[in-house]
């Protein structure tokens, strides 16, 4: 049935058939939705019902699994000094956390390479910060 494949005229024809012909010439789909495939408009002449449900893709990490591994620290104070210019105490930080991203509000204030260390309950950024600023840090817990 070609009328489901694309133009506005086809859409109007479909609307007419559904309203005036009772939809008797158009079949509902009976197969369940496909999971974890490549996006595709499809070629079926059947329509999907509005209450159809896509299955959960269990091959991907759950939200809770990601949340347990990622820690966001926002608006962290950076002191104007050479040495540990950031020192954060946070009970959620472990020695298994690594810095995945660190974005400084004023990157030009950081005038030397920065190193970081994590320990149970703390994060330190070491380097030279010429003027006080802030940063946002994303920590990711590495697997043991």
C-alpha atoms as a PDB file:
ATOM      1  CA  UNK A   1       0.000   0.000   0.000  1.00  0.00           C
ATOM      2  CA  UNK A   2       1.971   3.009  -1.284  1.00  0.00           C
ATOM      3  CA  UNK A   3      -0.002   5.716   0.460  1.00  0.00           C
ATOM      4  CA  UNK A   4       1.966   5.323   3.719  1.00  0.00           C
ATOM      5  CA  UNK A   5       5.300   6.140   2.148  1.00  0.00           C
ATOM      6  CA  UNK A   6       5.789   9.814   2.330  1.00  0.00           C
ATOM      7  CA  UNK A   7       4.136  12.791   0.644  1.00  0.00           C
ATOM      8  CA  UNK A   8       1.629  15.209   2.096  1.00  0.00           C
ATOM      9  CA  UNK A   9      -0.933  14.003  -0.452  1.00  0.00           C
ATOM     10  CA  UNK A  10      -0.401  10.443   0.787  1.00  0.00           C
ATOM     11  CA  UNK A  11      -0.908  11.637   4.371  1.00  0.00           C
ATOM     12  CA  UNK A  12      -4.188  13.307   3.370  1.00  0.00           C
ATOM     13  CA  UNK A  13      -5.307  10.125   1.582  1.00  0.00           C
ATOM     14  CA  UNK A  14      -4.511   8.109   4.712  1.00  0.00           C
ATOM     15  CA  UNK A  15      -6.453  10.564   6.861  1.00  0.00           C
ATOM     16  CA  UNK A  16      -9.441  10.287   4.485  1.00  0.00           C
ATOM     17  CA  UNK A  17      -9.319   6.480   4.561  1.00  0.00           C
ATOM     18  CA  UNK A  18      -9.119   6.396   8.333  1.00  0.00           C
ATOM     19  CA  UNK A  19     -11.974   8.883   8.802  1.00  0.00           C
ATOM     20  CA  UNK A  20     -14.308   7.812   5.997  1.00  0.00           C
ATOM     21  CA  UNK A  21     -13.552   4.183   5.326  1.00  0.00           C
ATOM     22  CA  UNK A  22     -13.187   3.012   8.905  1.00  0.00           C
ATOM     23  CA  UNK A  23      -9.536   2.191   8.346  1.00  0.00           C
ATOM     24  CA  UNK A  24     -10.550  -1.203   7.032  1.00  0.00           C
ATOM     25  CA  UNK A  25      -7.853  -1.210   4.354  1.00  0.00           C
ATOM     26  CA  UNK A  26      -5.042  -0.355   6.775  1.00  0.00           C
ATOM     27  CA  UNK A  27      -3.748  -3.027   9.144  1.00  0.00           C
ATOM     28  CA  UNK A  28      -2.250  -2.440  12.594  1.00  0.00           C
ATOM     29  CA  UNK A  29       1.212  -3.826  13.238  1.00  0.00           C
ATOM     30  CA  UNK A  30       1.340  -7.082  15.186  1.00  0.00           C
ATOM     31  CA  UNK A  31       5.113  -7.377  15.734  1.00  0.00           C
ATOM     32  CA  UNK A  32       6.717  -5.921  18.852  1.00  0.00           C
ATOM     33  CA  UNK A  33       8.969  -2.841  18.427  1.00  0.00           C
ATOM     34  CA  UNK A  34      12.616  -3.533  17.646  1.00  0.00           C
ATOM     35  CA  UNK A  35      15.237  -2.672  20.273  1.00  0.00           C
ATOM     36  CA  UNK A  36      18.825  -1.494  19.818  1.00  0.00           C
ATOM     37  CA  UNK A  37      18.887  -1.107  16.066  1.00  0.00           C
ATOM     38  CA  UNK A  38      19.917   1.567  13.619  1.00  0.00           C
ATOM     39  CA  UNK A  39      17.354   4.344  13.176  1.00  0.00           C
ATOM     40  CA  UNK A  40      15.215   3.656  10.098  1.00  0.00           C
ATOM     41  CA  UNK A  41      11.853   4.906   8.807  1.00  0.00           C
ATOM     42  CA  UNK A  42      10.896   1.340   7.915  1.00  0.00           C
ATOM     43  CA  UNK A  43       8.984  -0.069   4.961  1.00  0.00           C
ATOM     44  CA  UNK A  44       5.928  -1.656   6.561  1.00  0.00           C
ATOM     45  CA  UNK A  45       2.489  -0.616   5.331  1.00  0.00           C
ATOM     46  CA  UNK A  46       1.109  -1.210   8.835  1.00  0.00           C
ATOM     47  CA  UNK A  47       0.659   1.465  11.487  1.00  0.00           C
ATOM     48  CA  UNK A  48       1.825   1.433  15.108  1.00  0.00           C
ATOM     49  CA  UNK A  49      -0.731   1.819  17.845  1.00  0.00           C
ATOM     50  CA  UNK A  50      -0.331   4.760  20.210  1.00  0.00           C
ATOM     51  CA  UNK A  51       0.018   2.514  23.268  1.00  0.00           C
ATOM     52  CA  UNK A  52       2.841   0.382  21.872  1.00  0.00           C
ATOM     53  CA  UNK A  53       5.860  -0.061  24.166  1.00  0.00           C
ATOM     54  CA  UNK A  54       9.518  -0.328  23.210  1.00  0.00           C
ATOM     55  CA  UNK A  55      11.456  -2.933  25.195  1.00  0.00           C
ATOM     56  CA  UNK A  56      14.203  -1.828  27.583  1.00  0.00           C
ATOM     57  CA  UNK A  57      17.684  -2.217  26.169  1.00  0.00           C
ATOM     58  CA  UNK A  58      19.329  -4.259  28.920  1.00  0.00           C
ATOM     59  CA  UNK A  59      22.719  -4.218  27.166  1.00  0.00           C
ATOM     60  CA  UNK A  60      23.255  -0.615  28.308  1.00  0.00           C
ATOM     61  CA  UNK A  61      24.169   0.602  31.805  1.00  0.00           C
ATOM     62  CA  UNK A  62      21.287   1.577  34.042  1.00  0.00           C
ATOM     63  CA  UNK A  63      20.967   5.176  35.252  1.00  0.00           C
ATOM     64  CA  UNK A  64      21.812   4.077  38.795  1.00  0.00           C
ATOM     65  CA  UNK A  65      24.993   2.342  37.594  1.00  0.00           C
ATOM     66  CA  UNK A  66      26.129   5.555  35.919  1.00  0.00           C
ATOM     67  CA  UNK A  67      25.125   7.726  38.874  1.00  0.00           C
ATOM     68  CA  UNK A  68      27.184   5.556  41.220  1.00  0.00           C
ATOM     69  CA  UNK A  69      30.299   6.106  39.092  1.00  0.00           C
ATOM     70  CA  UNK A  70      30.062   9.819  38.224  1.00  0.00           C
ATOM     71  CA  UNK A  71      30.397  12.685  40.696  1.00  0.00           C
ATOM     72  CA  UNK A  72      29.881  16.319  39.684  1.00  0.00           C
ATOM     73  CA  UNK A  73      31.501  19.085  41.729  1.00  0.00           C
ATOM     74  CA  UNK A  74      30.315  22.543  40.649  1.00  0.00           C
ATOM     75  CA  UNK A  75      31.566  26.041  41.478  1.00  0.00           C
ATOM     76  CA  UNK A  76      34.619  24.704  43.293  1.00  0.00           C
ATOM     77  CA  UNK A  77      36.721  27.542  44.751  1.00  0.00           C
ATOM     78  CA  UNK A  78      40.235  27.914  43.352  1.00  0.00           C
ATOM     79  CA  UNK A  79      42.617  29.897  45.580  1.00  0.00           C
ATOM     80  CA  UNK A  80      45.218  32.271  44.138  1.00  0.00           C
ATOM     81  CA  UNK A  81      48.407  30.384  44.988  1.00  0.00           C
ATOM     82  CA  UNK A  82      51.010  27.880  43.891  1.00  0.00           C
ATOM     83  CA  UNK A  83      50.446  24.440  45.376  1.00  0.00           C
ATOM     84  CA  UNK A  84      47.140  22.820  46.257  1.00  0.00           C
ATOM     85  CA  UNK A  85      44.962  25.662  44.949  1.00  0.00           C
ATOM     86  CA  UNK A  86      41.866  23.440  45.169  1.00  0.00           C
ATOM     87  CA  UNK A  87      41.136  21.315  48.199  1.00  0.00           C
ATOM     88  CA  UNK A  88      37.685  19.719  48.362  1.00  0.00           C
ATOM     89  CA  UNK A  89      36.265  17.642  51.184  1.00  0.00           C
ATOM     90  CA  UNK A  90      33.380  15.443  50.086  1.00  0.00           C
ATOM     91  CA  UNK A  91      32.437  12.123  51.686  1.00  0.00           C
ATOM     92  CA  UNK A  92      31.472  10.709  48.255  1.00  0.00           C
ATOM     93  CA  UNK A  93      35.012  11.006  46.865  1.00  0.00           C
ATOM     94  CA  UNK A  94      37.099   7.835  47.014  1.00  0.00           C
ATOM     95  CA  UNK A  95      40.664   6.975  46.097  1.00  0.00           C
ATOM     96  CA  UNK A  96      39.187   5.198  43.040  1.00  0.00           C
ATOM     97  CA  UNK A  97      37.888   8.471  41.538  1.00  0.00           C
ATOM     98  CA  UNK A  98      39.774  10.057  38.652  1.00  0.00           C
ATOM     99  CA  UNK A  99      39.295  13.528  37.165  1.00  0.00           C
ATOM    100  CA  UNK A 100      37.472  13.101  33.858  1.00  0.00           C
ATOM    101  CA  UNK A 101      36.988  16.806  33.221  1.00  0.00           C
ATOM    102  CA  UNK A 102      37.923  20.081  34.885  1.00  0.00           C
ATOM    103  CA  UNK A 103      36.634  23.351  33.440  1.00  0.00           C
ATOM    104  CA  UNK A 104      37.944  26.590  34.911  1.00  0.00           C
ATOM    105  CA  UNK A 105      35.776  29.732  34.846  1.00  0.00           C
ATOM    106  CA  UNK A 106      38.899  31.689  33.889  1.00  0.00           C
ATOM    107  CA  UNK A 107      41.410  29.290  32.303  1.00  0.00           C
ATOM    108  CA  UNK A 108      43.971  32.073  31.807  1.00  0.00           C
ATOM    109  CA  UNK A 109      44.384  32.235  35.613  1.00  0.00           C
ATOM    110  CA  UNK A 110      45.887  28.736  35.596  1.00  0.00           C
ATOM    111  CA  UNK A 111      49.523  29.370  34.720  1.00  0.00           C
ATOM    112  CA  UNK A 112      51.098  25.939  35.201  1.00  0.00           C
ATOM    113  CA  UNK A 113      50.208  22.312  34.558  1.00  0.00           C
ATOM    114  CA  UNK A 114      47.677  20.971  37.015  1.00  0.00           C
ATOM    115  CA  UNK A 115      47.917  17.614  38.746  1.00  0.00           C
ATOM    116  CA  UNK A 116      45.225  16.054  40.887  1.00  0.00           C
ATOM    117  CA  UNK A 117      45.015  13.554  43.692  1.00  0.00           C
ATOM    118  CA  UNK A 118      42.020  11.850  45.240  1.00  0.00           C
ATOM    119  CA  UNK A 119      41.812  10.128  48.574  1.00  0.00           C
ATOM    120  CA  UNK A 120      38.970   8.985  50.734  1.00  0.00           C
ATOM    121  CA  UNK A 121      36.838  12.101  51.159  1.00  0.00           C
ATOM    122  CA  UNK A 122      39.074  14.578  49.321  1.00  0.00           C
ATOM    123  CA  UNK A 123      40.220  15.992  45.989  1.00  0.00           C
ATOM    124  CA  UNK A 124      43.245  18.240  45.513  1.00  0.00           C
ATOM    125  CA  UNK A 125      44.309  20.130  42.402  1.00  0.00           C
ATOM    126  CA  UNK A 126      47.953  21.199  42.448  1.00  0.00           C
ATOM    127  CA  UNK A 127      49.503  23.867  40.245  1.00  0.00           C
ATOM    128  CA  UNK A 128      49.545  27.635  39.977  1.00  0.00           C
ATOM    129  CA  UNK A 129      46.412  29.762  40.016  1.00  0.00           C
ATOM    130  CA  UNK A 130      47.279  33.480  39.599  1.00  0.00           C
ATOM    131  CA  UNK A 131      43.858  34.882  40.592  1.00  0.00           C
ATOM    132  CA  UNK A 132      41.031  33.277  42.563  1.00  0.00           C
ATOM    133  CA  UNK A 133      38.401  31.679  40.322  1.00  0.00           C
ATOM    134  CA  UNK A 134      36.106  28.639  40.267  1.00  0.00           C
ATOM    135  CA  UNK A 135      35.983  25.361  38.394  1.00  0.00           C
ATOM    136  CA  UNK A 136      33.579  22.531  37.685  1.00  0.00           C
ATOM    137  CA  UNK A 137      35.004  19.042  38.098  1.00  0.00           C
ATOM    138  CA  UNK A 138      33.655  15.704  36.889  1.00  0.00           C
ATOM    139  CA  UNK A 139      35.025  12.690  38.744  1.00  0.00           C
ATOM    140  CA  UNK A 140      34.562   9.132  37.514  1.00  0.00           C
ATOM    141  CA  UNK A 141      35.047   6.094  39.710  1.00  0.00           C
ATOM    142  CA  UNK A 142      37.401   3.649  38.029  1.00  0.00           C
ATOM    143  CA  UNK A 143      36.806  -0.065  38.416  1.00  0.00           C
ATOM    144  CA  UNK A 144      38.915  -1.822  41.018  1.00  0.00           C
END
